[in-house]
């Protein structure tokens, strides 16, 4: 039986000087997993992603299928993103990356 997810959260964990891993990307991944599990959101998958070419404003978090990219995300932002965006459907505007968005057709 296949699993169907409502949302997927991608956390950039690209390694190297000045990239997301050096800015806390792996810690974000683990915190998102912890938060999603604590809230019983079995229909939300949290995965790591490689380079998003957004080193200058990382760590980057992408929410699929919404096509929204968050920038400079911190551990302190995780609960807010899960509560407002993942559960409530309202993006956290102050963290959105205005330079990148996936068009929804």
N, C-alpha and C. Protein backbone atom coordinates (compact mmCIF):
# COMPACT_ATOMS: atom_id res chain seq x y z
N UNK A 1 0.84 -1.17 0.00
CA UNK A 1 0.00 0.00 0.00
C UNK A 1 0.89 1.25 0.00
N UNK A 2 0.61 2.16 -0.89
CA UNK A 2 1.43 3.36 -0.99
C UNK A 2 0.94 4.43 0.00
N UNK A 3 1.86 5.25 0.39
CA UNK A 3 1.57 6.34 1.34
C UNK A 3 1.36 7.62 0.54
N UNK A 4 0.33 8.37 0.89
CA UNK A 4 0.04 9.64 0.22
C UNK A 4 0.27 10.76 1.23
N UNK A 5 1.06 11.74 0.80
CA UNK A 5 1.36 12.87 1.66
C UNK A 5 0.66 14.12 1.16
N UNK A 6 0.17 14.91 2.09
CA UNK A 6 -0.50 16.17 1.79
C UNK A 6 0.51 17.29 1.53
N UNK A 7 1.59 17.26 2.26
CA UNK A 7 2.64 18.27 2.14
C UNK A 7 4.00 17.57 2.26
N UNK A 8 5.00 18.20 1.63
CA UNK A 8 6.37 17.77 1.79
C UNK A 8 7.20 19.00 2.10
N UNK A 9 8.00 18.89 3.16
CA UNK A 9 8.89 19.96 3.57
C UNK A 9 10.31 19.54 3.23
N UNK A 10 10.95 20.33 2.38
CA UNK A 10 12.34 20.07 2.00
C UNK A 10 13.24 21.03 2.77
N UNK A 11 14.23 20.50 3.45
CA UNK A 11 15.22 21.33 4.15
C UNK A 11 16.55 21.16 3.44
N UNK A 12 17.13 22.28 3.02
CA UNK A 12 18.42 22.22 2.36
C UNK A 12 19.51 21.89 3.38
N UNK A 13 20.29 20.87 3.05
CA UNK A 13 21.40 20.47 3.91
C UNK A 13 22.71 20.43 3.10
N UNK A 14 22.78 21.26 2.08
CA UNK A 14 23.96 21.33 1.23
C UNK A 14 25.18 21.72 2.06
N UNK A 15 26.24 20.93 1.90
CA UNK A 15 27.44 21.16 2.69
C UNK A 15 28.45 22.02 1.97
N UNK A 16 29.24 22.71 2.74
CA UNK A 16 30.28 23.57 2.21
C UNK A 16 30.24 24.92 2.90
N UNK A 17 31.31 25.64 2.79
CA UNK A 17 31.41 26.94 3.44
C UNK A 17 30.32 27.89 2.94
N UNK A 18 29.56 28.45 3.87
CA UNK A 18 28.52 29.41 3.53
C UNK A 18 27.23 28.80 3.00
N UNK A 19 27.16 27.47 2.96
CA UNK A 19 25.95 26.82 2.46
C UNK A 19 25.03 26.45 3.63
N UNK A 20 23.86 25.93 3.31
CA UNK A 20 22.81 25.73 4.32
C UNK A 20 23.21 24.84 5.50
N UNK A 21 23.97 23.78 5.24
CA UNK A 21 24.37 22.91 6.35
C UNK A 21 25.18 23.68 7.39
N UNK A 22 26.06 24.57 6.92
CA UNK A 22 26.88 25.34 7.86
C UNK A 22 26.08 26.40 8.60
N UNK A 23 24.85 26.64 8.13
CA UNK A 23 23.96 27.63 8.76
C UNK A 23 22.85 26.96 9.56
N UNK A 24 22.96 25.64 9.77
CA UNK A 24 21.97 24.94 10.60
C UNK A 24 20.94 24.14 9.84
N UNK A 25 21.18 23.83 8.58
CA UNK A 25 20.21 23.10 7.77
C UNK A 25 19.84 21.73 8.32
N UNK A 26 20.82 20.97 8.80
CA UNK A 26 20.53 19.64 9.34
C UNK A 26 19.74 19.74 10.64
N UNK A 27 20.07 20.70 11.46
CA UNK A 27 19.31 20.91 12.70
C UNK A 27 17.86 21.27 12.39
N UNK A 28 17.65 22.07 11.34
CA UNK A 28 16.28 22.41 10.92
C UNK A 28 15.52 21.16 10.49
N UNK A 29 16.17 20.33 9.70
CA UNK A 29 15.54 19.08 9.25
C UNK A 29 15.06 18.27 10.44
N UNK A 30 15.93 18.08 11.41
CA UNK A 30 15.58 17.29 12.60
C UNK A 30 14.47 17.96 13.41
N UNK A 31 14.51 19.28 13.53
CA UNK A 31 13.47 20.01 14.28
C UNK A 31 12.12 19.92 13.57
N UNK A 32 12.11 20.05 12.23
CA UNK A 32 10.86 19.89 11.50
C UNK A 32 10.30 18.49 11.68
N UNK A 33 11.14 17.48 11.61
CA UNK A 33 10.68 16.10 11.82
C UNK A 33 10.08 15.93 13.22
N UNK A 34 10.76 16.49 14.21
CA UNK A 34 10.30 16.42 15.60
C UNK A 34 8.93 17.12 15.74
N UNK A 35 8.80 18.30 15.17
CA UNK A 35 7.57 19.08 15.27
C UNK A 35 6.40 18.40 14.57
N UNK A 36 6.65 17.87 13.40
CA UNK A 36 5.61 17.18 12.62
C UNK A 36 5.14 15.93 13.38
N UNK A 37 6.09 15.19 13.93
CA UNK A 37 5.75 13.98 14.68
C UNK A 37 4.96 14.34 15.95
N UNK A 38 5.41 15.36 16.67
CA UNK A 38 4.75 15.77 17.91
C UNK A 38 3.30 16.18 17.67
N UNK A 39 3.03 16.72 16.50
CA UNK A 39 1.67 17.16 16.18
C UNK A 39 0.85 16.08 15.48
N UNK A 40 1.44 14.90 15.30
CA UNK A 40 0.71 13.78 14.70
C UNK A 40 0.37 13.98 13.23
N UNK A 41 1.22 14.70 12.51
CA UNK A 41 0.96 15.00 11.11
C UNK A 41 1.55 13.90 10.21
N UNK A 42 0.91 12.75 10.21
CA UNK A 42 1.39 11.60 9.45
C UNK A 42 1.33 11.82 7.94
N UNK A 43 0.59 12.84 7.52
CA UNK A 43 0.47 13.12 6.08
C UNK A 43 1.44 14.21 5.61
N UNK A 44 2.45 14.49 6.43
CA UNK A 44 3.47 15.48 6.09
C UNK A 44 4.83 14.78 6.13
N UNK A 45 5.55 14.86 5.02
CA UNK A 45 6.87 14.26 4.90
C UNK A 45 7.93 15.34 4.97
N UNK A 46 8.94 15.13 5.80
CA UNK A 46 10.05 16.07 5.92
C UNK A 46 11.29 15.37 5.38
N UNK A 47 11.89 15.97 4.35
CA UNK A 47 13.06 15.37 3.72
C UNK A 47 14.14 16.41 3.51
N UNK A 48 15.35 15.90 3.31
CA UNK A 48 16.46 16.80 3.01
C UNK A 48 16.57 16.94 1.50
N UNK A 49 17.13 18.07 1.10
CA UNK A 49 17.36 18.35 -0.31
C UNK A 49 18.77 18.92 -0.42
N UNK A 50 19.37 18.68 -1.57
CA UNK A 50 20.70 19.22 -1.83
C UNK A 50 20.62 20.68 -2.19
N UNK A 51 21.64 21.17 -2.80
CA UNK A 51 21.78 22.60 -3.07
C UNK A 51 20.58 23.20 -3.80
N UNK A 52 20.12 24.33 -3.28
CA UNK A 52 19.02 25.07 -3.89
C UNK A 52 19.52 26.35 -4.56
N UNK A 53 20.82 26.55 -4.56
CA UNK A 53 21.47 27.75 -5.12
C UNK A 53 21.03 29.04 -4.44
N UNK A 54 20.69 28.93 -3.18
CA UNK A 54 20.27 30.10 -2.41
C UNK A 54 21.16 30.28 -1.18
N UNK A 55 22.47 30.03 -1.36
CA UNK A 55 23.42 30.10 -0.23
C UNK A 55 23.35 31.44 0.50
N UNK A 56 23.18 32.49 -0.25
CA UNK A 56 23.20 33.84 0.32
C UNK A 56 22.07 34.08 1.32
N UNK A 57 21.03 33.30 1.25
CA UNK A 57 19.90 33.54 2.15
C UNK A 57 19.42 32.27 2.86
N UNK A 58 20.29 31.28 2.97
CA UNK A 58 19.93 30.04 3.63
C UNK A 58 19.97 30.18 5.14
N UNK A 59 19.51 29.18 5.81
CA UNK A 59 18.99 27.92 5.32
C UNK A 59 17.64 28.09 4.62
N UNK A 60 17.50 27.29 3.57
CA UNK A 60 16.29 27.30 2.76
C UNK A 60 15.39 26.14 3.12
N UNK A 61 14.09 26.42 3.18
CA UNK A 61 13.07 25.40 3.40
C UNK A 61 12.01 25.59 2.32
N UNK A 62 11.63 24.51 1.66
CA UNK A 62 10.66 24.56 0.57
C UNK A 62 9.46 23.72 0.96
N UNK A 63 8.26 24.25 0.75
CA UNK A 63 7.04 23.50 1.04
C UNK A 63 6.38 23.15 -0.29
N UNK A 64 6.22 21.85 -0.50
CA UNK A 64 5.62 21.30 -1.71
C UNK A 64 4.27 20.69 -1.33
N UNK A 65 3.24 20.79 -2.07
CA UNK A 65 3.15 21.29 -3.44
C UNK A 65 2.87 22.79 -3.54
N UNK A 66 3.03 23.53 -2.46
CA UNK A 66 2.68 24.95 -2.46
C UNK A 66 3.62 25.81 -3.28
N UNK A 67 4.82 25.31 -3.54
CA UNK A 67 5.78 26.08 -4.33
C UNK A 67 6.34 27.28 -3.60
N UNK A 68 6.35 27.24 -2.29
CA UNK A 68 6.85 28.37 -1.50
C UNK A 68 8.21 28.05 -0.91
N UNK A 69 9.09 29.02 -1.01
CA UNK A 69 10.45 28.90 -0.50
C UNK A 69 10.63 29.86 0.66
N UNK A 70 11.12 29.34 1.77
CA UNK A 70 11.44 30.17 2.93
C UNK A 70 12.95 30.38 2.98
N UNK A 71 13.35 31.55 3.49
CA UNK A 71 14.78 31.86 3.58
C UNK A 71 15.15 32.22 5.01
N UNK A 72 16.42 32.03 5.32
CA UNK A 72 16.98 32.35 6.64
C UNK A 72 16.13 31.78 7.78
N UNK A 73 15.71 30.54 7.61
CA UNK A 73 14.88 29.88 8.61
C UNK A 73 15.75 29.46 9.81
N UNK A 74 15.22 29.68 11.00
CA UNK A 74 15.92 29.29 12.23
C UNK A 74 15.08 28.26 12.96
N UNK A 75 15.71 27.64 13.94
CA UNK A 75 15.01 26.67 14.79
C UNK A 75 13.77 27.32 15.41
N UNK A 76 13.88 28.57 15.79
CA UNK A 76 12.76 29.29 16.41
C UNK A 76 11.59 29.47 15.46
N UNK A 77 11.80 29.36 14.14
CA UNK A 77 10.73 29.55 13.16
C UNK A 77 9.95 28.28 12.85
N UNK A 78 10.48 27.13 13.22
CA UNK A 78 9.90 25.85 12.82
C UNK A 78 8.46 25.69 13.30
N UNK A 79 8.20 25.90 14.57
CA UNK A 79 6.84 25.72 15.11
C UNK A 79 5.85 26.65 14.41
N UNK A 80 6.28 27.88 14.14
CA UNK A 80 5.41 28.84 13.46
C UNK A 80 5.08 28.39 12.03
N UNK A 81 6.07 27.89 11.30
CA UNK A 81 5.82 27.42 9.94
C UNK A 81 4.87 26.23 9.95
N UNK A 82 5.09 25.30 10.88
CA UNK A 82 4.20 24.13 10.96
C UNK A 82 2.79 24.56 11.35
N UNK A 83 2.68 25.40 12.37
CA UNK A 83 1.36 25.83 12.86
C UNK A 83 0.60 26.65 11.82
N UNK A 84 1.24 27.69 11.32
CA UNK A 84 0.54 28.60 10.42
C UNK A 84 0.42 28.08 9.00
N UNK A 85 1.49 27.56 8.43
CA UNK A 85 1.47 27.16 7.03
C UNK A 85 1.01 25.72 6.84
N UNK A 86 1.69 24.79 7.48
CA UNK A 86 1.38 23.38 7.25
C UNK A 86 0.00 23.02 7.79
N UNK A 87 -0.34 23.50 8.96
CA UNK A 87 -1.63 23.18 9.55
C UNK A 87 -2.71 24.19 9.17
N UNK A 88 -2.35 25.47 9.12
CA UNK A 88 -3.36 26.51 8.90
C UNK A 88 -3.50 27.02 7.48
N UNK A 89 -2.56 26.67 6.61
CA UNK A 89 -2.66 27.10 5.23
C UNK A 89 -2.22 28.53 4.95
N UNK A 90 -1.67 29.20 5.95
CA UNK A 90 -1.22 30.59 5.80
C UNK A 90 0.30 30.64 5.82
N UNK A 91 0.93 31.00 4.71
CA UNK A 91 2.38 31.11 4.70
C UNK A 91 2.88 32.14 5.71
N UNK A 92 4.08 31.93 6.19
CA UNK A 92 4.72 32.88 7.10
C UNK A 92 5.42 33.91 6.22
N UNK A 93 4.72 34.98 5.94
CA UNK A 93 5.14 35.99 4.96
C UNK A 93 6.53 36.54 5.20
N UNK A 94 6.89 36.81 6.45
CA UNK A 94 8.17 37.44 6.75
C UNK A 94 9.36 36.56 6.38
N UNK A 95 9.13 35.26 6.20
CA UNK A 95 10.22 34.35 5.88
C UNK A 95 10.25 33.94 4.40
N UNK A 96 9.24 34.33 3.64
CA UNK A 96 9.19 33.93 2.24
C UNK A 96 10.33 34.56 1.45
N UNK A 97 10.88 33.77 0.54
CA UNK A 97 11.94 34.25 -0.34
C UNK A 97 11.26 34.92 -1.54
N UNK A 98 11.36 36.24 -1.68
CA UNK A 98 10.67 36.93 -2.77
C UNK A 98 11.29 36.68 -4.14
N UNK A 99 12.48 36.09 -4.14
CA UNK A 99 13.18 35.86 -5.40
C UNK A 99 12.88 34.51 -6.04
N UNK A 100 12.26 33.60 -5.29
CA UNK A 100 12.00 32.25 -5.81
C UNK A 100 10.59 31.81 -5.44
N UNK A 101 9.87 31.35 -6.43
CA UNK A 101 8.54 30.79 -6.21
C UNK A 101 8.21 29.89 -7.38
N UNK A 102 7.55 28.79 -7.11
CA UNK A 102 7.17 27.86 -8.16
C UNK A 102 5.75 28.24 -8.60
N UNK A 103 5.58 28.45 -9.88
CA UNK A 103 4.27 28.82 -10.42
C UNK A 103 3.30 27.65 -10.27
N UNK A 104 2.11 27.95 -9.83
CA UNK A 104 1.05 26.95 -9.67
C UNK A 104 0.06 27.10 -10.82
N UNK A 105 0.01 26.11 -11.70
CA UNK A 105 -0.94 26.16 -12.83
C UNK A 105 -2.15 25.30 -12.55
